[in-house]
Amino acid sequence: MQVRTVAVIGAGTMGSGIAQICAQSGWDTRLFDVFPESLEKGMNNINSFWNKGIEKGKTSIEDKELWSKNLNDYNDLSEAVKGVDLVIEAIPEILELKKELFIQLEKIAPKHAILATNTSSIPVSIIANVTKCPDRVIGMHFFNPVPIMKLLELVKHEKCSEETIENAQSIGEIMGKETILVKDVPGFATSRLGVVLGNEAIRMLAEGVATASDIDKAMKLGYKHPMGPLELSDLVGLDVRRDILNGLADSFEDNSYRPHRLLDSLVAEGSLGKKTNKGIYDWTENGKKERNDLPE
């Protein structure tokens, strides 16, 4: 399958990052969002990323001009998916929203198009089975920041065709990603491991085992993680981490997956991580600093 045109649904952090690498891959890329302010912010984020690359000498003005020609914003879903070869959904992790979207996509997207979801925890089979074409639905789980992170986790469910899997692997290769193929189980491979490590790090922080920066340093220097589990939790979003943990606990009927009360408290007070300038760390100034006002 040759991809020429891609629609990315959702212009948040993940969606805009996915749209960026699609444009950089040479595809006609359409970024859609139902909220005009989100769409504008997503396009601005992409433009800012490209400008920073030029400032650092990693890309050229000519690169940006070429990529920009490949990228357009849309506020009409039917127009966004008209004639596309690939749709990548990157809307919030709310099952009913995703189900509703895929019911629409089945009706308005071309019959040959791959319908991919970027969900990090919801079983792909549940999303696929609301359509009459589950064979064309696959999980394509990207990682933040999408333009930098090399991994692409492909999630296959029982009704996903081999052709769809092979095409998704080829798409990932063109994007410059390393792909892994996992079964459609709660949390897949990466989310399940990542949230458990992050939750335990939050437990250690709450118990006073060490400071947040020292816990993160332990994993970076002791285990060669590029980023500590607490900093990563702030980057991903504490609300996202909490929801994945609760989903795992419900799916496995195992309360050991439940988020630590500190994580619940941070989300309750609106401290969701870097996107709100405050989470486990304070991000209000350049870089990050330790908080001395964490909730009990």
C-alpha atoms as a PDB file:
ATOM      1  CA  MET A   1       0.000   0.000   0.000  1.00  0.00           C
ATOM      2  CA  GLN A   2       1.337   3.403  -0.961  1.00  0.00           C
ATOM      3  CA  VAL A   3       0.390   6.231   1.388  1.00  0.00           C
ATOM      4  CA  ARG A   4      -0.142   9.610  -0.236  1.00  0.00           C
ATOM      5  CA  THR A   5      -2.621  11.346   2.079  1.00  0.00           C
ATOM      6  CA  VAL A   6      -3.069  11.135   5.847  1.00  0.00           C
ATOM      7  CA  ALA A   7      -5.658  12.599   8.204  1.00  0.00           C
ATOM      8  CA  VAL A   8      -4.779  13.072  11.881  1.00  0.00           C
ATOM      9  CA  ILE A   9      -7.812  13.527  14.111  1.00  0.00           C
ATOM     10  CA  GLY A  10      -7.087  15.612  17.201  1.00  0.00           C
ATOM     11  CA  ALA A  11      -4.619  18.509  17.342  1.00  0.00           C
ATOM     12  CA  GLY A  12      -3.385  18.125  20.903  1.00  0.00           C
ATOM     13  CA  THR A  13       0.196  17.349  21.885  1.00  0.00           C
ATOM     14  CA  MET A  14       0.142  13.871  20.377  1.00  0.00           C
ATOM     15  CA  GLY A  15      -1.952  14.689  17.324  1.00  0.00           C
ATOM     16  CA  SER A  16       0.130  17.689  16.315  1.00  0.00           C
ATOM     17  CA  GLY A  17       3.315  15.667  16.757  1.00  0.00           C
ATOM     18  CA  ILE A  18       1.940  12.847  14.608  1.00  0.00           C
ATOM     19  CA  ALA A  19       0.831  15.316  11.927  1.00  0.00           C
ATOM     20  CA  GLN A  20       4.305  16.843  11.959  1.00  0.00           C
ATOM     21  CA  ILE A  21       6.116  13.587  11.229  1.00  0.00           C
ATOM     22  CA  CYS A  22       3.555  12.691   8.571  1.00  0.00           C
ATOM     23  CA  ALA A  23       4.241  15.988   6.801  1.00  0.00           C
ATOM     24  CA  GLN A  24       7.971  15.394   7.158  1.00  0.00           C
ATOM     25  CA  SER A  25       7.485  11.948   5.599  1.00  0.00           C
ATOM     26  CA  GLY A  26       6.291  13.638   2.408  1.00  0.00           C
ATOM     27  CA  TRP A  27       2.591  12.878   2.752  1.00  0.00           C
ATOM     28  CA  ASP A  28      -0.288  15.257   2.161  1.00  0.00           C
ATOM     29  CA  THR A  29      -1.246  15.707   5.821  1.00  0.00           C
ATOM     30  CA  ARG A  30      -4.541  17.016   7.164  1.00  0.00           C
ATOM     31  CA  LEU A  31      -4.780  17.944  10.834  1.00  0.00           C
ATOM     32  CA  PHE A  32      -8.356  18.063  12.144  1.00  0.00           C
ATOM     33  CA  ASP A  33      -9.794  19.226  15.442  1.00  0.00           C
ATOM     34  CA  VAL A  34     -13.336  20.083  16.441  1.00  0.00           C
ATOM     35  CA  PHE A  35     -12.094  23.041  18.505  1.00  0.00           C
ATOM     36  CA  PRO A  36     -10.633  25.950  16.451  1.00  0.00           C
ATOM     37  CA  GLU A  37      -8.383  27.086  19.319  1.00  0.00           C
ATOM     38  CA  SER A  38      -6.899  23.595  19.648  1.00  0.00           C
ATOM     39  CA  LEU A  39      -6.308  23.407  15.919  1.00  0.00           C
ATOM     40  CA  GLU A  40      -4.549  26.774  15.919  1.00  0.00           C
ATOM     41  CA  LYS A  41      -2.421  25.790  18.899  1.00  0.00           C
ATOM     42  CA  GLY A  42      -1.476  22.488  17.274  1.00  0.00           C
ATOM     43  CA  MET A  43      -0.386  24.162  14.054  1.00  0.00           C
ATOM     44  CA  ASN A  44       1.574  26.760  16.038  1.00  0.00           C
ATOM     45  CA  ASN A  45       3.324  23.991  18.000  1.00  0.00           C
ATOM     46  CA  ILE A  46       4.461  22.349  14.779  1.00  0.00           C
ATOM     47  CA  ASN A  47       5.692  25.642  13.377  1.00  0.00           C
ATOM     48  CA  SER A  48       7.540  26.391  16.610  1.00  0.00           C
ATOM     49  CA  PHE A  49       9.229  22.977  16.563  1.00  0.00           C
ATOM     50  CA  TRP A  50      10.438  23.530  13.018  1.00  0.00           C
ATOM     51  CA  ASN A  51      11.712  27.021  13.867  1.00  0.00           C
ATOM     52  CA  LYS A  52      13.680  25.660  16.831  1.00  0.00           C
ATOM     53  CA  GLY A  53      15.201  23.043  14.549  1.00  0.00           C
ATOM     54  CA  ILE A  54      16.359  25.796  12.193  1.00  0.00           C
ATOM     55  CA  GLU A  55      17.816  27.806  15.112  1.00  0.00           C
ATOM     56  CA  LYS A  56      19.785  24.762  16.279  1.00  0.00           C
ATOM     57  CA  GLY A  57      21.001  23.965  12.775  1.00  0.00           C
ATOM     58  CA  LYS A  58      19.241  20.586  12.706  1.00  0.00           C
ATOM     59  CA  THR A  59      16.951  21.529   9.817  1.00  0.00           C
ATOM     60  CA  SER A  60      16.916  24.191   7.126  1.00  0.00           C
ATOM     61  CA  ILE A  61      14.478  26.866   6.029  1.00  0.00           C
ATOM     62  CA  GLU A  62      14.059  24.873   2.820  1.00  0.00           C
ATOM     63  CA  ASP A  63      13.050  21.806   4.857  1.00  0.00           C
ATOM     64  CA  LYS A  64      10.420  23.796   6.715  1.00  0.00           C
ATOM     65  CA  GLU A  65       9.038  25.282   3.507  1.00  0.00           C
ATOM     66  CA  LEU A  66       8.721  21.824   1.951  1.00  0.00           C
ATOM     67  CA  TRP A  67       7.100  20.288   5.029  1.00  0.00           C
ATOM     68  CA  SER A  68       4.713  23.218   5.444  1.00  0.00           C
ATOM     69  CA  LYS A  69       3.369  22.640   1.947  1.00  0.00           C
ATOM     70  CA  ASN A  70       2.425  19.116   3.021  1.00  0.00           C
ATOM     71  CA  LEU A  71       0.433  20.257   6.061  1.00  0.00           C
ATOM     72  CA  ASN A  72      -3.056  21.788   6.193  1.00  0.00           C
ATOM     73  CA  ASP A  73      -5.594  22.276   8.975  1.00  0.00           C
ATOM     74  CA  TYR A  74      -9.236  21.220   8.711  1.00  0.00           C
ATOM     75  CA  ASN A  75     -12.347  21.872  10.792  1.00  0.00           C
ATOM     76  CA  ASP A  76     -14.637  19.637   8.723  1.00  0.00           C
ATOM     77  CA  LEU A  77     -14.152  15.914   9.403  1.00  0.00           C
ATOM     78  CA  SER A  78     -15.641  14.727   6.111  1.00  0.00           C
ATOM     79  CA  GLU A  79     -13.315  16.990   4.143  1.00  0.00           C
ATOM     80  CA  ALA A  80     -10.330  15.978   6.267  1.00  0.00           C
ATOM     81  CA  VAL A  81     -10.707  12.256   5.509  1.00  0.00           C
ATOM     82  CA  LYS A  82     -11.828  12.571   1.897  1.00  0.00           C
ATOM     83  CA  GLY A  83      -9.581  10.432  -0.294  1.00  0.00           C
ATOM     84  CA  VAL A  84      -7.053   9.599   2.455  1.00  0.00           C
ATOM     85  CA  ASP A  85      -5.062   6.379   2.705  1.00  0.00           C
ATOM     86  CA  LEU A  86      -4.536   6.528   6.454  1.00  0.00           C
ATOM     87  CA  VAL A  87      -6.441   8.004   9.402  1.00  0.00           C
ATOM     88  CA  ILE A  88      -4.733   8.311  12.786  1.00  0.00           C
ATOM     89  CA  GLU A  89      -6.991   9.124  15.730  1.00  0.00           C
ATOM     90  CA  ALA A  90      -5.409  11.067  18.599  1.00  0.00           C
ATOM     91  CA  ILE A  91      -8.389  12.374  20.563  1.00  0.00           C
ATOM     92  CA  PRO A  92      -8.718  12.174  24.393  1.00  0.00           C
ATOM     93  CA  GLU A  93      -8.682   8.760  26.105  1.00  0.00           C
ATOM     94  CA  ILE A  94     -12.457   8.580  26.450  1.00  0.00           C
ATOM     95  CA  LEU A  95     -13.870   5.347  25.090  1.00  0.00           C
ATOM     96  CA  GLU A  96     -17.269   6.664  24.046  1.00  0.00           C
ATOM     97  CA  LEU A  97     -15.655   9.512  22.090  1.00  0.00           C
ATOM     98  CA  LYS A  98     -13.400   7.099  20.258  1.00  0.00           C
ATOM     99  CA  LYS A  99     -16.228   4.685  19.492  1.00  0.00           C
ATOM    100  CA  GLU A 100     -18.372   7.494  18.126  1.00  0.00           C
ATOM    101  CA  LEU A 101     -15.515   8.734  15.956  1.00  0.00           C
ATOM    102  CA  PHE A 102     -14.740   5.323  14.455  1.00  0.00           C
ATOM    103  CA  ILE A 103     -18.411   4.767  13.626  1.00  0.00           C
ATOM    104  CA  GLN A 104     -18.213   8.022  11.664  1.00  0.00           C
ATOM    105  CA  LEU A 105     -14.886   7.171  10.057  1.00  0.00           C
ATOM    106  CA  GLU A 106     -16.166   3.869   8.737  1.00  0.00           C
ATOM    107  CA  LYS A 107     -18.902   5.751   6.892  1.00  0.00           C
ATOM    108  CA  ILE A 108     -16.925   8.692   5.504  1.00  0.00           C
ATOM    109  CA  ALA A 109     -13.343   7.486   5.028  1.00  0.00           C
ATOM    110  CA  PRO A 110     -12.322   5.605   1.861  1.00  0.00           C
ATOM    111  CA  LYS A 111     -12.915   1.856   1.993  1.00  0.00           C
ATOM    112  CA  HIS A 112      -9.225   1.120   1.531  1.00  0.00           C
ATOM    113  CA  ALA A 113      -7.973   3.436   4.304  1.00  0.00           C
ATOM    114  CA  ILE A 114      -6.285   2.118   7.413  1.00  0.00           C
ATOM    115  CA  LEU A 115      -8.028   3.394  10.544  1.00  0.00           C
ATOM    116  CA  ALA A 116      -5.505   3.692  13.360  1.00  0.00           C
ATOM    117  CA  THR A 117      -5.916   4.684  16.994  1.00  0.00           C
ATOM    118  CA  ASN A 118      -3.189   6.216  19.114  1.00  0.00           C
ATOM    119  CA  THR A 119      -4.798   4.989  22.333  1.00  0.00           C
ATOM    120  CA  SER A 120      -2.295   4.181  25.061  1.00  0.00           C
ATOM    121  CA  SER A 121      -4.532   1.902  27.121  1.00  0.00           C
ATOM    122  CA  ILE A 122      -8.005   1.248  25.688  1.00  0.00           C
ATOM    123  CA  PRO A 123      -8.317  -2.202  24.073  1.00  0.00           C
ATOM    124  CA  VAL A 124      -8.167  -1.704  20.324  1.00  0.00           C
ATOM    125  CA  SER A 125     -10.683  -4.511  19.779  1.00  0.00           C
ATOM    126  CA  ILE A 126     -13.392  -2.488  21.530  1.00  0.00           C
ATOM    127  CA  ILE A 127     -12.812   0.389  19.138  1.00  0.00           C
ATOM    128  CA  ALA A 128     -12.477  -1.853  16.079  1.00  0.00           C
ATOM    129  CA  ASN A 129     -15.631  -3.822  16.796  1.00  0.00           C
ATOM    130  CA  VAL A 130     -17.932  -0.804  16.597  1.00  0.00           C
ATOM    131  CA  THR A 131     -17.089  -0.721  12.891  1.00  0.00           C
ATOM    132  CA  LYS A 132     -17.955  -3.139  10.104  1.00  0.00           C
ATOM    133  CA  CYS A 133     -14.315  -3.149   8.996  1.00  0.00           C
ATOM    134  CA  PRO A 134     -12.317  -4.254  12.079  1.00  0.00           C
ATOM    135  CA  ASP A 135      -9.725  -5.800   9.756  1.00  0.00           C
ATOM    136  CA  ARG A 136      -8.595  -2.258   8.805  1.00  0.00           C
ATOM    137  CA  VAL A 137      -8.353  -0.991  12.404  1.00  0.00           C
ATOM    138  CA  ILE A 138      -5.025  -1.125  14.277  1.00  0.00           C
ATOM    139  CA  GLY A 139      -3.376   0.491  17.252  1.00  0.00           C
ATOM    140  CA  MET A 140      -0.527   2.857  16.393  1.00  0.00           C
ATOM    141  CA  HIS A 141       0.730   4.066  19.763  1.00  0.00           C
ATOM    142  CA  PHE A 142       3.227   6.928  19.441  1.00  0.00           C
ATOM    143  CA  PHE A 143       5.317   8.442  22.215  1.00  0.00           C
ATOM    144  CA  ASN A 144       5.766  12.020  23.371  1.00  0.00           C
ATOM    145  CA  PRO A 145       7.472  14.019  21.925  1.00  0.00           C
ATOM    146  CA  VAL A 146       6.461  12.249  18.724  1.00  0.00           C
ATOM    147  CA  PRO A 147       9.058  13.856  16.404  1.00  0.00           C
ATOM    148  CA  ILE A 148      11.885  12.705  18.693  1.00  0.00           C
ATOM    149  CA  MET A 149      10.846   9.373  20.206  1.00  0.00           C
ATOM    150  CA  LYS A 150      11.802   6.489  17.914  1.00  0.00           C
ATOM    151  CA  LEU A 151       9.346   3.853  19.143  1.00  0.00           C
ATOM    152  CA  LEU A 152       6.003   3.056  17.535  1.00  0.00           C
ATOM    153  CA  GLU A 153       3.975   0.372  19.308  1.00  0.00           C
ATOM    154  CA  LEU A 154       1.658  -1.454  16.916  1.00  0.00           C
ATOM    155  CA  VAL A 155      -1.256  -3.199  18.583  1.00  0.00           C
ATOM    156  CA  LYS A 156      -2.973  -6.087  16.806  1.00  0.00           C
ATOM    157  CA  HIS A 157      -6.363  -7.481  17.783  1.00  0.00           C
ATOM    158  CA  GLU A 158      -7.901 -10.753  16.666  1.00  0.00           C
ATOM    159  CA  LYS A 159      -9.715  -9.307  13.644  1.00  0.00           C
ATOM    160  CA  CYS A 160      -6.846  -7.132  12.397  1.00  0.00           C
ATOM    161  CA  SER A 161      -5.648  -8.381   9.011  1.00  0.00           C
ATOM    162  CA  GLU A 162      -2.071  -9.300   8.220  1.00  0.00           C
ATOM    163  CA  GLU A 163      -2.193  -6.793   5.381  1.00  0.00           C
ATOM    164  CA  THR A 164      -3.062  -3.988   7.796  1.00  0.00           C
ATOM    165  CA  ILE A 165      -0.246  -5.018  10.137  1.00  0.00           C
ATOM    166  CA  GLU A 166       2.312  -5.158   7.313  1.00  0.00           C
ATOM    167  CA  ASN A 167       1.181  -1.789   5.969  1.00  0.00           C
ATOM    168  CA  ALA A 168       1.411  -0.233   9.438  1.00  0.00           C
ATOM    169  CA  GLN A 169       4.946  -1.575   9.822  1.00  0.00           C
ATOM    170  CA  SER A 170       5.925  -0.059   6.463  1.00  0.00           C
ATOM    171  CA  ILE A 171       4.310   3.250   7.441  1.00  0.00           C
ATOM    172  CA  GLY A 172       6.302   3.294  10.673  1.00  0.00           C
ATOM    173  CA  GLU A 173       9.520   2.636   8.771  1.00  0.00           C
ATOM    174  CA  ILE A 174       8.863   5.556   6.407  1.00  0.00           C
ATOM    175  CA  MET A 175       8.219   7.766   9.461  1.00  0.00           C
ATOM    176  CA  GLY A 176      11.640   6.784  10.772  1.00  0.00           C
ATOM    177  CA  LYS A 177      10.224   4.784  13.667  1.00  0.00           C
ATOM    178  CA  GLU A 178      11.243   1.452  15.137  1.00  0.00           C
ATOM    179  CA  THR A 179       8.094  -0.659  15.469  1.00  0.00           C
ATOM    180  CA  ILE A 180       7.166  -3.385  17.919  1.00  0.00           C
ATOM    181  CA  LEU A 181       4.090  -5.595  17.525  1.00  0.00           C
ATOM    182  CA  VAL A 182       2.104  -6.473  20.641  1.00  0.00           C
ATOM    183  CA  LYS A 183      -1.129  -8.249  21.477  1.00  0.00           C
ATOM    184  CA  ASP A 184      -4.221  -6.281  22.361  1.00  0.00           C
ATOM    185  CA  VAL A 185      -4.037  -6.619  26.154  1.00  0.00           C
ATOM    186  CA  PRO A 186      -4.736  -3.872  28.731  1.00  0.00           C
ATOM    187  CA  GLY A 187      -1.905  -1.350  28.762  1.00  0.00           C
ATOM    188  CA  PHE A 188      -0.209  -3.150  25.849  1.00  0.00           C
ATOM    189  CA  ALA A 189       3.519  -3.408  26.631  1.00  0.00           C
ATOM    190  CA  THR A 190       4.781   0.125  27.118  1.00  0.00           C
ATOM    191  CA  SER A 191       1.937   1.783  29.012  1.00  0.00           C
ATOM    192  CA  ARG A 192       1.653  -1.120  31.442  1.00  0.00           C
ATOM    193  CA  LEU A 193       5.345  -1.051  32.306  1.00  0.00           C
ATOM    194  CA  GLY A 194       5.624   2.733  32.302  1.00  0.00           C
ATOM    195  CA  VAL A 195       2.694   3.522  34.575  1.00  0.00           C
ATOM    196  CA  VAL A 196       3.622   0.853  37.118  1.00  0.00           C
ATOM    197  CA  LEU A 197       7.152   2.248  37.402  1.00  0.00           C
ATOM    198  CA  GLY A 198       5.821   5.797  37.630  1.00  0.00           C
ATOM    199  CA  ASN A 199       3.264   4.865  40.292  1.00  0.00           C
ATOM    200  CA  GLU A 200       5.930   3.202  42.423  1.00  0.00           C
ATOM    201  CA  ALA A 201       8.163   6.259  42.060  1.00  0.00           C
ATOM    202  CA  ILE A 202       5.275   8.439  43.280  1.00  0.00           C
ATOM    203  CA  ARG A 203       4.786   6.086  46.231  1.00  0.00           C
ATOM    204  CA  MET A 204       8.477   6.434  47.116  1.00  0.00           C
ATOM    205  CA  LEU A 205       8.215  10.212  46.864  1.00  0.00           C
ATOM    206  CA  ALA A 206       5.173  10.257  49.166  1.00  0.00           C
ATOM    207  CA  GLU A 207       6.963   8.015  51.688  1.00  0.00           C
ATOM    208  CA  GLY A 208       9.984  10.326  51.748  1.00  0.00           C
ATOM    209  CA  VAL A 209      12.388   7.721  50.379  1.00  0.00           C
ATOM    210  CA  ALA A 210      14.133  10.416  48.324  1.00  0.00           C
ATOM    211  CA  THR A 211      13.408  13.681  46.559  1.00  0.00           C
ATOM    212  CA  ALA A 212      11.775  13.661  43.133  1.00  0.00           C
ATOM    213  CA  SER A 213      14.995  14.682  41.410  1.00  0.00           C
ATOM    214  CA  ASP A 214      17.014  11.997  43.212  1.00  0.00           C
ATOM    215  CA  ILE A 215      14.486   9.278  42.336  1.00  0.00           C
ATOM    216  CA  ASP A 216      14.690  10.362  38.713  1.00  0.00           C
ATOM    217  CA  LYS A 217      18.483  10.552  38.852  1.00  0.00           C
ATOM    218  CA  ALA A 218      18.619   7.014  40.227  1.00  0.00           C
ATOM    219  CA  MET A 219      16.852   5.628  37.168  1.00  0.00           C
ATOM    220  CA  LYS A 220      18.798   7.775  34.703  1.00  0.00           C
ATOM    221  CA  LEU A 221      22.245   7.000  36.067  1.00  0.00           C
ATOM    222  CA  GLY A 222      21.596   3.562  37.542  1.00  0.00           C
ATOM    223  CA  TYR A 223      19.512   2.103  34.725  1.00  0.00           C
ATOM    224  CA  LYS A 224      20.354   4.419  31.818  1.00  0.00           C
ATOM    225  CA  HIS A 225      16.790   5.665  31.412  1.00  0.00           C
ATOM    226  CA  PRO A 226      16.860   8.855  29.306  1.00  0.00           C
ATOM    227  CA  MET A 227      14.298  10.426  31.636  1.00  0.00           C
ATOM    228  CA  GLY A 228      13.286   9.675  35.214  1.00  0.00           C
ATOM    229  CA  PRO A 229       9.828   8.175  35.927  1.00  0.00           C
ATOM    230  CA  LEU A 230       8.543  11.264  37.756  1.00  0.00           C
ATOM    231  CA  GLU A 231       9.653  13.722  35.107  1.00  0.00           C
ATOM    232  CA  LEU A 232       8.184  11.431  32.444  1.00  0.00           C
ATOM    233  CA  SER A 233       4.881  11.260  34.334  1.00  0.00           C
ATOM    234  CA  ASP A 234       4.717  15.051  34.312  1.00  0.00           C
ATOM    235  CA  LEU A 235       5.471  15.109  30.594  1.00  0.00           C
ATOM    236  CA  VAL A 236       2.840  12.498  29.702  1.00  0.00           C
ATOM    237  CA  GLY A 237       0.221  14.039  31.998  1.00  0.00           C
ATOM    238  CA  LEU A 238      -0.681  12.889  35.500  1.00  0.00           C
ATOM    239  CA  ASP A 239      -4.347  12.597  34.555  1.00  0.00           C
ATOM    240  CA  VAL A 240      -3.405  10.297  31.687  1.00  0.00           C
ATOM    241  CA  ARG A 241      -1.267   8.177  33.988  1.00  0.00           C
ATOM    242  CA  ARG A 242      -4.050   7.974  36.577  1.00  0.00           C
ATOM    243  CA  ASP A 243      -6.630   6.915  34.006  1.00  0.00           C
ATOM    244  CA  ILE A 244      -4.378   4.185  32.614  1.00  0.00           C
ATOM    245  CA  LEU A 245      -3.729   2.799  36.110  1.00  0.00           C
ATOM    246  CA  ASN A 246      -7.436   2.715  36.916  1.00  0.00           C
ATOM    247  CA  GLY A 247      -8.094   1.037  33.590  1.00  0.00           C
ATOM    248  CA  LEU A 248      -5.516  -1.644  34.338  1.00  0.00           C
ATOM    249  CA  ALA A 249      -6.948  -2.200  37.823  1.00  0.00           C
ATOM    250  CA  ASP A 250     -10.434  -2.639  36.398  1.00  0.00           C
ATOM    251  CA  SER A 251      -9.320  -4.870  33.520  1.00  0.00           C
ATOM    252  CA  PHE A 252      -7.211  -7.205  35.623  1.00  0.00           C
ATOM    253  CA  GLU A 253      -9.435  -6.910  38.715  1.00  0.00           C
ATOM    254  CA  ASP A 254      -6.258  -6.144  40.650  1.00  0.00           C
ATOM    255  CA  ASN A 255      -6.177  -3.123  42.951  1.00  0.00           C
ATOM    256  CA  SER A 256      -2.381  -3.172  43.102  1.00  0.00           C
ATOM    257  CA  TYR A 257      -2.574  -1.157  39.872  1.00  0.00           C
ATOM    258  CA  ARG A 258      -4.606   1.631  41.511  1.00  0.00           C
ATOM    259  CA  PRO A 259      -2.937   5.059  41.459  1.00  0.00           C
ATOM    260  CA  HIS A 260      -1.237   6.127  44.678  1.00  0.00           C
ATOM    261  CA  ARG A 261      -3.230   8.689  46.649  1.00  0.00           C
ATOM    262  CA  LEU A 262      -0.599  11.368  45.913  1.00  0.00           C
ATOM    263  CA  LEU A 263      -1.259  10.937  42.193  1.00  0.00           C
ATOM    264  CA  ASP A 264      -5.014  11.204  42.796  1.00  0.00           C
ATOM    265  CA  SER A 265      -4.474  14.327  44.916  1.00  0.00           C
ATOM    266  CA  LEU A 266      -2.300  16.017  42.305  1.00  0.00           C
ATOM    267  CA  VAL A 267      -4.906  15.430  39.602  1.00  0.00           C
ATOM    268  CA  ALA A 268      -7.710  16.598  41.912  1.00  0.00           C
ATOM    269  CA  GLU A 269      -5.969  19.933  42.514  1.00  0.00           C
ATOM    270  CA  GLY A 270      -5.408  20.440  38.786  1.00  0.00           C
ATOM    271  CA  SER A 271      -1.667  19.750  38.852  1.00  0.00           C
ATOM    272  CA  LEU A 272      -1.485  17.609  35.735  1.00  0.00           C
ATOM    273  CA  GLY A 273       2.182  18.028  34.890  1.00  0.00           C
ATOM    274  CA  LYS A 274       4.024  20.155  32.382  1.00  0.00           C
ATOM    275  CA  LYS A 275       0.852  21.030  30.446  1.00  0.00           C
ATOM    276  CA  THR A 276      -0.479  22.928  33.480  1.00  0.00           C
ATOM    277  CA  ASN A 277       2.997  24.176  34.535  1.00  0.00           C
ATOM    278  CA  LYS A 278       2.754  22.197  37.764  1.00  0.00           C
ATOM    279  CA  GLY A 279       2.687  18.507  38.611  1.00  0.00           C
ATOM    280  CA  ILE A 280       5.218  16.535  40.578  1.00  0.00           C
ATOM    281  CA  TYR A 281       7.600  19.320  39.597  1.00  0.00           C
ATOM    282  CA  ASP A 282       7.051  23.044  39.145  1.00  0.00           C
ATOM    283  CA  TRP A 283       7.425  23.939  35.453  1.00  0.00           C
ATOM    284  CA  THR A 284       6.482  27.624  35.639  1.00  0.00           C
ATOM    285  CA  GLU A 285      10.031  28.795  34.883  1.00  0.00           C
ATOM    286  CA  ASN A 286      12.652  27.518  32.455  1.00  0.00           C
ATOM    287  CA  GLY A 287      13.282  23.873  33.139  1.00  0.00           C
ATOM    288  CA  LYS A 288      11.810  22.353  36.286  1.00  0.00           C
ATOM    289  CA  LYS A 289      12.279  22.654  40.034  1.00  0.00           C
ATOM    290  CA  GLU A 290      11.317  20.698  43.110  1.00  0.00           C
ATOM    291  CA  ARG A 291       7.967  21.440  44.707  1.00  0.00           C
ATOM    292  CA  ASN A 292       7.740  21.993  48.446  1.00  0.00           C
ATOM    293  CA  ASP A 293       3.950  22.168  48.467  1.00  0.00           C
ATOM    294  CA  LEU A 294       2.925  18.685  47.314  1.00  0.00           C
ATOM    295  CA  PRO A 295      -0.515  17.660  48.624  1.00  0.00           C
ATOM    296  CA  GLU A 296      -0.742  15.111  51.415  1.00  0.00           C
END
